[in-house]
Amino acid sequence: SVTGVDEVLCFDEDRIVMRTVKGELTVVGEGLHIGKLSLDT
């Protein structure tokens, strides 16, 4: 769970890259999927 997300730049099952208020965050793994995304919050 991540808060402070401004934008999701790219994603697939192995990698998600997002822009947060503290910099660009990359999540690496296997079988990744976004269950919830709210850019308003």
PDB file of all heavy atoms in Angstrom:
ATOM      1  N   SER A   1       0.855  -1.178   0.000  1.00  0.00           N
ATOM      2  CA  SER A   1       0.000   0.000   0.000  1.00  0.00           C
ATOM      3  C   SER A   1       0.891   1.228   0.000  1.00  0.00           C
ATOM      4  O   SER A   1       1.797   1.341   0.822  1.00  0.00           O
ATOM      5  CB  SER A   1      -0.890  -0.020   1.242  1.00  0.00           C
ATOM      6  OG  SER A   1      -1.648   1.160   1.315  1.00  0.00           O
ATOM      7  N   VAL A   2       0.651   2.137  -0.941  1.00  0.00           N
ATOM      8  CA  VAL A   2       1.460   3.348  -1.072  1.00  0.00           C
ATOM      9  C   VAL A   2       0.516   4.545  -1.093  1.00  0.00           C
ATOM     10  O   VAL A   2      -0.486   4.535  -1.807  1.00  0.00           O
ATOM     11  CB  VAL A   2       2.296   3.333  -2.373  1.00  0.00           C
ATOM     12  CG1 VAL A   2       3.184   4.560  -2.454  1.00  0.00           C
ATOM     13  CG2 VAL A   2       3.124   2.065  -2.475  1.00  0.00           C
ATOM     14  N   THR A   3       0.842   5.587  -0.320  1.00  0.00           N
ATOM     15  CA  THR A   3       0.111   6.842  -0.401  1.00  0.00           C
ATOM     16  C   THR A   3       1.067   7.923  -0.892  1.00  0.00           C
ATOM     17  O   THR A   3       2.277   7.757  -0.852  1.00  0.00           O
ATOM     18  CB  THR A   3      -0.490   7.254   0.958  1.00  0.00           C
ATOM     19  OG1 THR A   3       0.574   7.458   1.894  1.00  0.00           O
ATOM     20  CG2 THR A   3      -1.446   6.197   1.495  1.00  0.00           C
ATOM     21  N   GLY A   4       0.508   9.014  -1.356  1.00  0.00           N
ATOM     22  CA  GLY A   4       1.325  10.081  -1.907  1.00  0.00           C
ATOM     23  C   GLY A   4       1.691   9.843  -3.360  1.00  0.00           C
ATOM     24  O   GLY A   4       2.666  10.388  -3.858  1.00  0.00           O
ATOM     25  N   VAL A   5       0.892   9.041  -4.068  1.00  0.00           N
ATOM     26  CA  VAL A   5       1.145   8.719  -5.472  1.00  0.00           C
ATOM     27  C   VAL A   5       0.525   9.805  -6.352  1.00  0.00           C
ATOM     28  O   VAL A   5      -0.648  10.137  -6.214  1.00  0.00           O
ATOM     29  CB  VAL A   5       0.556   7.338  -5.846  1.00  0.00           C
ATOM     30  CG1 VAL A   5       0.737   7.048  -7.329  1.00  0.00           C
ATOM     31  CG2 VAL A   5       1.183   6.253  -5.001  1.00  0.00           C
ATOM     32  N   ASP A   6       1.328  10.369  -7.249  1.00  0.00           N
ATOM     33  CA  ASP A   6       0.849  11.377  -8.188  1.00  0.00           C
ATOM     34  C   ASP A   6       0.466  10.780  -9.534  1.00  0.00           C
ATOM     35  O   ASP A   6      -0.470  11.233 -10.176  1.00  0.00           O
ATOM     36  CB  ASP A   6       1.915  12.456  -8.418  1.00  0.00           C
ATOM     37  CG  ASP A   6       2.127  13.338  -7.206  1.00  0.00           C
ATOM     38  OD1 ASP A   6       1.172  13.556  -6.441  1.00  0.00           O
ATOM     39  OD2 ASP A   6       3.264  13.811  -7.018  1.00  0.00           O
ATOM     40  N   GLU A   7       1.213   9.741  -9.963  1.00  0.00           N
ATOM     41  CA  GLU A   7       0.984   9.178 -11.293  1.00  0.00           C
ATOM     42  C   GLU A   7       1.645   7.809 -11.401  1.00  0.00           C
ATOM     43  O   GLU A   7       2.721   7.592 -10.857  1.00  0.00           O
ATOM     44  CB  GLU A   7       1.607  10.119 -12.328  1.00  0.00           C
ATOM     45  CG  GLU A   7       1.480   9.693 -13.753  1.00  0.00           C
ATOM     46  CD  GLU A   7       2.142  10.671 -14.717  1.00  0.00           C
ATOM     47  OE1 GLU A   7       2.847  11.599 -14.290  1.00  0.00           O
ATOM     48  OE2 GLU A   7       1.952  10.463 -15.930  1.00  0.00           O
ATOM     49  N   VAL A   8       0.998   6.887 -12.099  1.00  0.00           N
ATOM     50  CA  VAL A   8       1.618   5.605 -12.442  1.00  0.00           C
ATOM     51  C   VAL A   8       2.194   5.770 -13.844  1.00  0.00           C
ATOM     52  O   VAL A   8       1.479   6.059 -14.793  1.00  0.00           O
ATOM     53  CB  VAL A   8       0.603   4.445 -12.391  1.00  0.00           C
ATOM     54  CG1 VAL A   8       1.237   3.154 -12.889  1.00  0.00           C
ATOM     55  CG2 VAL A   8       0.066   4.261 -10.979  1.00  0.00           C
ATOM     56  N   LEU A   9       3.512   5.627 -13.951  1.00  0.00           N
ATOM     57  CA  LEU A   9       4.195   5.857 -15.223  1.00  0.00           C
ATOM     58  C   LEU A   9       4.136   4.643 -16.139  1.00  0.00           C
ATOM     59  O   LEU A   9       3.970   4.780 -17.345  1.00  0.00           O
ATOM     60  CB  LEU A   9       5.642   6.276 -14.969  1.00  0.00           C
ATOM     61  CG  LEU A   9       5.792   7.542 -14.114  1.00  0.00           C
ATOM     62  CD1 LEU A   9       7.251   7.776 -13.772  1.00  0.00           C
ATOM     63  CD2 LEU A   9       5.203   8.733 -14.827  1.00  0.00           C
ATOM     64  N   CYS A  10       4.324   3.435 -15.583  1.00  0.00           N
ATOM     65  CA  CYS A  10       4.197   2.208 -16.365  1.00  0.00           C
ATOM     66  C   CYS A  10       4.029   1.035 -15.405  1.00  0.00           C
ATOM     67  O   CYS A  10       4.388   1.121 -14.236  1.00  0.00           O
ATOM     68  CB  CYS A  10       5.392   1.997 -17.297  1.00  0.00           C
ATOM     69  SG  CYS A  10       6.958   1.759 -16.448  1.00  0.00           S
ATOM     70  N   PHE A  11       3.467  -0.037 -15.929  1.00  0.00           N
ATOM     71  CA  PHE A  11       3.309  -1.227 -15.094  1.00  0.00           C
ATOM     72  C   PHE A  11       3.136  -2.465 -15.959  1.00  0.00           C
ATOM     73  O   PHE A  11       2.651  -2.395 -17.082  1.00  0.00           O
ATOM     74  CB  PHE A  11       2.118  -1.081 -14.137  1.00  0.00           C
ATOM     75  CG  PHE A  11       0.775  -1.008 -14.813  1.00  0.00           C
ATOM     76  CD1 PHE A  11       0.019  -2.153 -15.012  1.00  0.00           C
ATOM     77  CD2 PHE A  11       0.275   0.201 -15.238  1.00  0.00           C
ATOM     78  CE1 PHE A  11      -1.215  -2.086 -15.635  1.00  0.00           C
ATOM     79  CE2 PHE A  11      -0.956   0.289 -15.862  1.00  0.00           C
ATOM     80  CZ  PHE A  11      -1.703  -0.871 -16.061  1.00  0.00           C
ATOM     81  N   ASP A  12       3.603  -3.582 -15.419  1.00  0.00           N
ATOM     82  CA  ASP A  12       3.335  -4.898 -15.963  1.00  0.00           C
ATOM     83  C   ASP A  12       3.418  -5.882 -14.804  1.00  0.00           C
ATOM     84  O   ASP A  12       3.478  -5.468 -13.651  1.00  0.00           O
ATOM     85  CB  ASP A  12       4.268  -5.242 -17.141  1.00  0.00           C
ATOM     86  CG  ASP A  12       5.742  -5.234 -16.770  1.00  0.00           C
ATOM     87  OD1 ASP A  12       6.077  -5.505 -15.599  1.00  0.00           O
ATOM     88  OD2 ASP A  12       6.580  -4.967 -17.659  1.00  0.00           O
ATOM     89  N   GLU A  13       3.432  -7.173 -15.075  1.00  0.00           N
ATOM     90  CA  GLU A  13       3.429  -8.169 -14.000  1.00  0.00           C
ATOM     91  C   GLU A  13       4.724  -8.213 -13.205  1.00  0.00           C
ATOM     92  O   GLU A  13       4.757  -8.765 -12.113  1.00  0.00           O
ATOM     93  CB  GLU A  13       3.127  -9.552 -14.570  1.00  0.00           C
ATOM     94  CG  GLU A  13       1.706  -9.710 -15.029  1.00  0.00           C
ATOM     95  CD  GLU A  13       1.401 -11.131 -15.446  1.00  0.00           C
ATOM     96  OE1 GLU A  13       2.336 -11.934 -15.600  1.00  0.00           O
ATOM     97  OE2 GLU A  13       0.215 -11.438 -15.608  1.00  0.00           O
ATOM     98  N   ASP A  14       5.806  -7.636 -13.748  1.00  0.00           N
ATOM     99  CA  ASP A  14       7.105  -7.699 -13.087  1.00  0.00           C
ATOM    100  C   ASP A  14       7.596  -6.374 -12.528  1.00  0.00           C
ATOM    101  O   ASP A  14       8.555  -6.339 -11.753  1.00  0.00           O
ATOM    102  CB  ASP A  14       8.164  -8.224 -14.067  1.00  0.00           C
ATOM    103  CG  ASP A  14       7.827  -9.609 -14.572  1.00  0.00           C
ATOM    104  OD1 ASP A  14       7.370 -10.432 -13.766  1.00  0.00           O
ATOM    105  OD2 ASP A  14       8.013  -9.862 -15.775  1.00  0.00           O
ATOM    106  N   ARG A  15       6.947  -5.255 -12.919  1.00  0.00           N
ATOM    107  CA  ARG A  15       7.463  -3.953 -12.505  1.00  0.00           C
ATOM    108  C   ARG A  15       6.364  -2.898 -12.563  1.00  0.00           C
ATOM    109  O   ARG A  15       5.595  -2.852 -13.516  1.00  0.00           O
ATOM    110  CB  ARG A  15       8.605  -3.546 -13.422  1.00  0.00           C
ATOM    111  CG  ARG A  15       9.311  -2.278 -13.041  1.00  0.00           C
ATOM    112  CD  ARG A  15      10.528  -2.074 -13.922  1.00  0.00           C
ATOM    113  NE  ARG A  15      10.120  -1.728 -15.265  1.00  0.00           N
ATOM    114  CZ  ARG A  15      10.404  -0.573 -15.854  1.00  0.00           C
ATOM    115  NH1 ARG A  15      11.124   0.316 -15.245  1.00  0.00           N
ATOM    116  NH2 ARG A  15       9.990  -0.325 -17.073  1.00  0.00           N
ATOM    117  N   ILE A  16       6.327  -2.039 -11.542  1.00  0.00           N
ATOM    118  CA  ILE A  16       5.427  -0.893 -11.515  1.00  0.00           C
ATOM    119  C   ILE A  16       6.281   0.330 -11.190  1.00  0.00           C
ATOM    120  O   ILE A  16       7.046   0.312 -10.232  1.00  0.00           O
ATOM    121  CB  ILE A  16       4.319  -1.057 -10.454  1.00  0.00           C
ATOM    122  CG1 ILE A  16       3.482  -2.305 -10.751  1.00  0.00           C
ATOM    123  CG2 ILE A  16       3.432   0.193 -10.399  1.00  0.00           C
ATOM    124  CD1 ILE A  16       2.487  -2.663  -9.657  1.00  0.00           C
ATOM    125  N   VAL A  17       6.165   1.373 -12.007  1.00  0.00           N
ATOM    126  CA  VAL A  17       6.903   2.609 -11.785  1.00  0.00           C
ATOM    127  C   VAL A  17       5.880   3.711 -11.554  1.00  0.00           C
ATOM    128  O   VAL A  17       4.954   3.883 -12.356  1.00  0.00           O
ATOM    129  CB  VAL A  17       7.803   2.962 -12.985  1.00  0.00           C
ATOM    130  CG1 VAL A  17       8.570   4.249 -12.719  1.00  0.00           C
ATOM    131  CG2 VAL A  17       8.767   1.820 -13.282  1.00  0.00           C
ATOM    132  N   MET A  18       6.053   4.441 -10.445  1.00  0.00           N
ATOM    133  CA  MET A  18       5.112   5.510 -10.117  1.00  0.00           C
ATOM    134  C   MET A  18       5.859   6.752  -9.664  1.00  0.00           C
ATOM    135  O   MET A  18       6.970   6.670  -9.146  1.00  0.00           O
ATOM    136  CB  MET A  18       4.146   5.055  -9.029  1.00  0.00           C
ATOM    137  CG  MET A  18       4.797   4.753  -7.690  1.00  0.00           C
ATOM    138  SD  MET A  18       3.739   3.887  -6.555  1.00  0.00           S
ATOM    139  CE  MET A  18       4.084   2.194  -7.024  1.00  0.00           C
ATOM    140  N   ARG A  19       5.232   7.900  -9.875  1.00  0.00           N
ATOM    141  CA  ARG A  19       5.780   9.159  -9.368  1.00  0.00           C
ATOM    142  C   ARG A  19       5.052   9.460  -8.063  1.00  0.00           C
ATOM    143  O   ARG A  19       3.823   9.476  -8.027  1.00  0.00           O
ATOM    144  CB  ARG A  19       5.554  10.288 -10.362  1.00  0.00           C
ATOM    145  CG  ARG A  19       6.175  11.602  -9.904  1.00  0.00           C
ATOM    146  CD  ARG A  19       6.043  12.708 -10.921  1.00  0.00           C
ATOM    147  NE  ARG A  19       6.621  12.325 -12.197  1.00  0.00           N
ATOM    148  CZ  ARG A  19       5.955  12.344 -13.354  1.00  0.00           C
ATOM    149  NH1 ARG A  19       4.709  12.718 -13.398  1.00  0.00           N
ATOM    150  NH2 ARG A  19       6.556  11.984 -14.470  1.00  0.00           N
ATOM    151  N   THR A  20       5.826   9.653  -6.988  1.00  0.00           N
ATOM    152  CA  THR A  20       5.251   9.983  -5.691  1.00  0.00           C
ATOM    153  C   THR A  20       5.726  11.372  -5.273  1.00  0.00           C
ATOM    154  O   THR A  20       6.582  11.965  -5.929  1.00  0.00           O
ATOM    155  CB  THR A  20       5.674   8.970  -4.600  1.00  0.00           C
ATOM    156  OG1 THR A  20       7.037   9.205  -4.241  1.00  0.00           O
ATOM    157  CG2 THR A  20       5.492   7.532  -5.056  1.00  0.00           C
ATOM    158  N   VAL A  21       5.190  11.851  -4.179  1.00  0.00           N
ATOM    159  CA  VAL A  21       5.604  13.168  -3.681  1.00  0.00           C
ATOM    160  C   VAL A  21       7.045  13.152  -3.185  1.00  0.00           C
ATOM    161  O   VAL A  21       7.641  14.205  -2.992  1.00  0.00           O
ATOM    162  CB  VAL A  21       4.653  13.661  -2.567  1.00  0.00           C
ATOM    163  CG1 VAL A  21       3.262  13.878  -3.130  1.00  0.00           C
ATOM    164  CG2 VAL A  21       4.619  12.707  -1.395  1.00  0.00           C
ATOM    165  N   LYS A  22       7.649  11.989  -3.007  1.00  0.00           N
ATOM    166  CA  LYS A  22       9.032  11.857  -2.547  1.00  0.00           C
ATOM    167  C   LYS A  22       9.977  11.324  -3.605  1.00  0.00           C
ATOM    168  O   LYS A  22      11.106  10.955  -3.310  1.00  0.00           O
ATOM    169  CB  LYS A  22       9.100  10.948  -1.310  1.00  0.00           C
ATOM    170  CG  LYS A  22       8.363  11.487  -0.110  1.00  0.00           C
ATOM    171  CD  LYS A  22       9.020  12.744   0.395  1.00  0.00           C
ATOM    172  CE  LYS A  22       8.327  13.235   1.656  1.00  0.00           C
ATOM    173  NZ  LYS A  22       8.909  14.470   2.145  1.00  0.00           N
ATOM    174  N   GLY A  23       9.544  11.261  -4.859  1.00  0.00           N
ATOM    175  CA  GLY A  23      10.405  10.787  -5.932  1.00  0.00           C
ATOM    176  C   GLY A  23       9.765   9.637  -6.693  1.00  0.00           C
ATOM    177  O   GLY A  23       8.664   9.185  -6.374  1.00  0.00           O
ATOM    178  N   GLU A  24      10.472   9.164  -7.704  1.00  0.00           N
ATOM    179  CA  GLU A  24       9.983   8.055  -8.523  1.00  0.00           C
ATOM    180  C   GLU A  24      10.250   6.736  -7.809  1.00  0.00           C
ATOM    181  O   GLU A  24      11.381   6.445  -7.434  1.00  0.00           O
ATOM    182  CB  GLU A  24      10.692   8.083  -9.874  1.00  0.00           C
ATOM    183  CG  GLU A  24      10.102   7.150 -10.887  1.00  0.00           C
ATOM    184  CD  GLU A  24      10.737   7.340 -12.247  1.00  0.00           C
ATOM    185  OE1 GLU A  24      10.473   8.371 -12.886  1.00  0.00           O
ATOM    186  OE2 GLU A  24      11.522   6.443 -12.638  1.00  0.00           O
ATOM    187  N   LEU A  25       9.205   5.954  -7.614  1.00  0.00           N
ATOM    188  CA  LEU A  25       9.290   4.685  -6.901  1.00  0.00           C
ATOM    189  C   LEU A  25       9.067   3.543  -7.882  1.00  0.00           C
ATOM    190  O   LEU A  25       8.093   3.549  -8.631  1.00  0.00           O
ATOM    191  CB  LEU A  25       8.245   4.626  -5.786  1.00  0.00           C
ATOM    192  CG  LEU A  25       8.111   3.321  -5.011  1.00  0.00           C
ATOM    193  CD1 LEU A  25       9.392   2.979  -4.272  1.00  0.00           C
ATOM    194  CD2 LEU A  25       6.935   3.398  -4.056  1.00  0.00           C
ATOM    195  N   THR A  26       9.993   2.566  -7.860  1.00  0.00           N
ATOM    196  CA  THR A  26       9.868   1.376  -8.698  1.00  0.00           C
ATOM    197  C   THR A  26       9.665   0.169  -7.805  1.00  0.00           C
ATOM    198  O   THR A  26      10.400  -0.036  -6.847  1.00  0.00           O
ATOM    199  CB  THR A  26      11.130   1.180  -9.560  1.00  0.00           C
ATOM    200  OG1 THR A  26      11.309   2.323 -10.387  1.00  0.00           O
ATOM    201  CG2 THR A  26      11.010  -0.058 -10.435  1.00  0.00           C
ATOM    202  N   VAL A  27       8.639  -0.611  -8.122  1.00  0.00           N
ATOM    203  CA  VAL A  27       8.333  -1.850  -7.413  1.00  0.00           C
ATOM    204  C   VAL A  27       8.625  -2.986  -8.377  1.00  0.00           C
ATOM    205  O   VAL A  27       8.121  -3.001  -9.498  1.00  0.00           O
ATOM    206  CB  VAL A  27       6.849  -1.897  -6.983  1.00  0.00           C
ATOM    207  CG1 VAL A  27       6.537  -3.195  -6.265  1.00  0.00           C
ATOM    208  CG2 VAL A  27       6.488  -0.690  -6.129  1.00  0.00           C
ATOM    209  N   VAL A  28       9.445  -3.940  -7.950  1.00  0.00           N
ATOM    210  CA  VAL A  28       9.807  -5.087  -8.778  1.00  0.00           C
ATOM    211  C   VAL A  28       9.322  -6.345  -8.077  1.00  0.00           C
ATOM    212  O   VAL A  28       9.401  -6.452  -6.847  1.00  0.00           O
ATOM    213  CB  VAL A  28      11.338  -5.151  -9.000  1.00  0.00           C
ATOM    214  CG1 VAL A  28      11.723  -6.374  -9.819  1.00  0.00           C
ATOM    215  CG2 VAL A  28      11.833  -3.886  -9.669  1.00  0.00           C
ATOM    216  N   GLY A  29       8.829  -7.295  -8.845  1.00  0.00           N
ATOM    217  CA  GLY A  29       8.359  -8.542  -8.253  1.00  0.00           C
ATOM    218  C   GLY A  29       7.826  -9.482  -9.318  1.00  0.00           C
ATOM    219  O   GLY A  29       8.191  -9.402 -10.492  1.00  0.00           O
ATOM    220  N   GLU A  30       6.922 -10.369  -8.878  1.00  0.00           N
ATOM    221  CA  GLU A  30       6.318 -11.357  -9.781  1.00  0.00           C
ATOM    222  C   GLU A  30       4.811 -11.341  -9.592  1.00  0.00           C
ATOM    223  O   GLU A  30       4.321 -11.232  -8.467  1.00  0.00           O
ATOM    224  CB  GLU A  30       6.842 -12.755  -9.454  1.00  0.00           C
ATOM    225  CG  GLU A  30       8.323 -12.927  -9.662  1.00  0.00           C
ATOM    226  CD  GLU A  30       8.806 -14.292  -9.182  1.00  0.00           C
ATOM    227  OE1 GLU A  30       7.971 -15.170  -8.883  1.00  0.00           O
ATOM    228  OE2 GLU A  30      10.028 -14.468  -9.098  1.00  0.00           O
ATOM    229  N   GLY A  31       4.090 -11.435 -10.681  1.00  0.00           N
ATOM    230  CA  GLY A  31       2.632 -11.483 -10.614  1.00  0.00           C
ATOM    231  C   GLY A  31       2.012 -10.233 -10.015  1.00  0.00           C
ATOM    232  O   GLY A  31       0.981 -10.312  -9.353  1.00  0.00           O
ATOM    233  N   LEU A  32       2.623  -9.088 -10.252  1.00  0.00           N
ATOM    234  CA  LEU A  32       2.127  -7.841  -9.678  1.00  0.00           C
ATOM    235  C   LEU A  32       0.886  -7.365 -10.416  1.00  0.00           C
ATOM    236  O   LEU A  32       0.826  -7.400 -11.648  1.00  0.00           O
ATOM    237  CB  LEU A  32       3.197  -6.749  -9.756  1.00  0.00           C
ATOM    238  CG  LEU A  32       4.526  -7.036  -9.061  1.00  0.00           C
ATOM    239  CD1 LEU A  32       5.494  -5.889  -9.308  1.00  0.00           C
ATOM    240  CD2 LEU A  32       4.311  -7.238  -7.565  1.00  0.00           C
ATOM    241  N   HIS A  33      -0.095  -6.931  -9.667  1.00  0.00           N
ATOM    242  CA  HIS A  33      -1.238  -6.266 -10.276  1.00  0.00           C
ATOM    243  C   HIS A  33      -1.773  -5.201  -9.328  1.00  0.00           C
ATOM    244  O   HIS A  33      -1.666  -5.327  -8.111  1.00  0.00           O
ATOM    245  CB  HIS A  33      -2.328  -7.255 -10.729  1.00  0.00           C
ATOM    246  CG  HIS A  33      -3.028  -7.946  -9.627  1.00  0.00           C
ATOM    247  ND1 HIS A  33      -2.541  -9.069  -9.013  1.00  0.00           N
ATOM    248  CD2 HIS A  33      -4.211  -7.669  -9.016  1.00  0.00           C
ATOM    249  CE1 HIS A  33      -3.387  -9.466  -8.075  1.00  0.00           C
ATOM    250  NE2 HIS A  33      -4.393  -8.634  -8.042  1.00  0.00           N
ATOM    251  N   ILE A  34      -2.289  -4.150  -9.930  1.00  0.00           N
ATOM    252  CA  ILE A  34      -2.808  -3.022  -9.163  1.00  0.00           C
ATOM    253  C   ILE A  34      -4.245  -3.331  -8.783  1.00  0.00           C
ATOM    254  O   ILE A  34      -5.108  -3.485  -9.647  1.00  0.00           O
ATOM    255  CB  ILE A  34      -2.708  -1.720  -9.980  1.00  0.00           C
ATOM    256  CG1 ILE A  34      -1.244  -1.401 -10.272  1.00  0.00           C
ATOM    257  CG2 ILE A  34      -3.372  -0.561  -9.240  1.00  0.00           C
ATOM    258  CD1 ILE A  34      -1.028  -0.232 -11.204  1.00  0.00           C
ATOM    259  N   GLY A  35      -4.481  -3.438  -7.472  1.00  0.00           N
ATOM    260  CA  GLY A  35      -5.823  -3.739  -6.983  1.00  0.00           C
ATOM    261  C   GLY A  35      -6.657  -2.487  -6.801  1.00  0.00           C
ATOM    262  O   GLY A  35      -7.863  -2.497  -7.003  1.00  0.00           O
ATOM    263  N   LYS A  36      -6.008  -1.372  -6.425  1.00  0.00           N
ATOM    264  CA  LYS A  36      -6.711  -0.117  -6.208  1.00  0.00           C
ATOM    265  C   LYS A  36      -5.793   1.023  -6.616  1.00  0.00           C
ATOM    266  O   LYS A  36      -4.612   1.032  -6.291  1.00  0.00           O
ATOM    267  CB  LYS A  36      -7.080   0.031  -4.732  1.00  0.00           C
ATOM    268  CG  LYS A  36      -7.705   1.363  -4.380  1.00  0.00           C
ATOM    269  CD  LYS A  36      -7.942   1.485  -2.893  1.00  0.00           C
ATOM    270  CE  LYS A  36      -8.485   2.858  -2.544  1.00  0.00           C
ATOM    271  NZ  LYS A  36      -8.631   3.029  -1.098  1.00  0.00           N
ATOM    272  N   LEU A  37      -6.354   1.992  -7.320  1.00  0.00           N
ATOM    273  CA  LEU A  37      -5.616   3.191  -7.684  1.00  0.00           C
ATOM    274  C   LEU A  37      -6.563   4.368  -7.611  1.00  0.00           C
ATOM    275  O   LEU A  37      -7.605   4.375  -8.264  1.00  0.00           O
ATOM    276  CB  LEU A  37      -5.042   3.082  -9.103  1.00  0.00           C
ATOM    277  CG  LEU A  37      -4.405   4.352  -9.669  1.00  0.00           C
ATOM    278  CD1 LEU A  37      -3.216   4.792  -8.823  1.00  0.00           C
ATOM    279  CD2 LEU A  37      -3.992   4.135 -11.108  1.00  0.00           C
ATOM    280  N   SER A  38      -6.229   5.342  -6.777  1.00  0.00           N
ATOM    281  CA  SER A  38      -7.001   6.575  -6.681  1.00  0.00           C
ATOM    282  C   SER A  38      -6.026   7.740  -6.696  1.00  0.00           C
ATOM    283  O   SER A  38      -5.355   8.005  -5.690  1.00  0.00           O
ATOM    284  CB  SER A  38      -7.842   6.601  -5.402  1.00  0.00           C
ATOM    285  OG  SER A  38      -8.464   7.866  -5.269  1.00  0.00           O
ATOM    286  N   LEU A  39      -5.935   8.420  -7.826  1.00  0.00           N
ATOM    287  CA  LEU A  39      -5.030   9.557  -7.914  1.00  0.00           C
ATOM    288  C   LEU A  39      -5.592  10.769  -7.182  1.00  0.00           C
ATOM    289  O   LEU A  39      -4.849  11.657  -6.799  1.00  0.00           O
ATOM    290  CB  LEU A  39      -4.735   9.890  -9.375  1.00  0.00           C
ATOM    291  CG  LEU A  39      -3.985   8.801 -10.137  1.00  0.00           C
ATOM    292  CD1 LEU A  39      -3.767   9.202 -11.583  1.00  0.00           C
ATOM    293  CD2 LEU A  39      -2.660   8.468  -9.473  1.00  0.00           C
ATOM    294  N   ASP A  40      -6.905  10.796  -6.966  1.00  0.00           N
ATOM    295  CA  ASP A  40      -7.505  11.894  -6.192  1.00  0.00           C
ATOM    296  C   ASP A  40      -6.982  11.891  -4.761  1.00  0.00           C
ATOM    297  O   ASP A  40      -6.661  12.932  -4.205  1.00  0.00           O
ATOM    298  CB  ASP A  40      -9.026  11.786  -6.181  1.00  0.00           C
ATOM    299  CG  ASP A  40      -9.634  12.043  -7.552  1.00  0.00           C
ATOM    300  OD1 ASP A  40      -9.000  12.747  -8.357  1.00  0.00           O
ATOM    301  OD2 ASP A  40     -10.736  11.534  -7.809  1.00  0.00           O
ATOM    302  N   THR A  41      -6.889  10.711  -4.176  1.00  0.00           N
ATOM    303  CA  THR A  41      -6.392  10.599  -2.797  1.00  0.00           C
ATOM    304  C   THR A  41      -4.925  10.209  -2.741  1.00  0.00           C
ATOM    305  O   THR A  41      -4.313  10.228  -1.683  1.00  0.00           O
ATOM    306  CB  THR A  41      -7.215   9.566  -2.006  1.00  0.00           C
ATOM    307  OG1 THR A  41      -7.088   8.285  -2.630  1.00  0.00           O
ATOM    308  CG2 THR A  41      -8.674   9.972  -1.930  1.00  0.00           C
TER     309      THR A  41
END
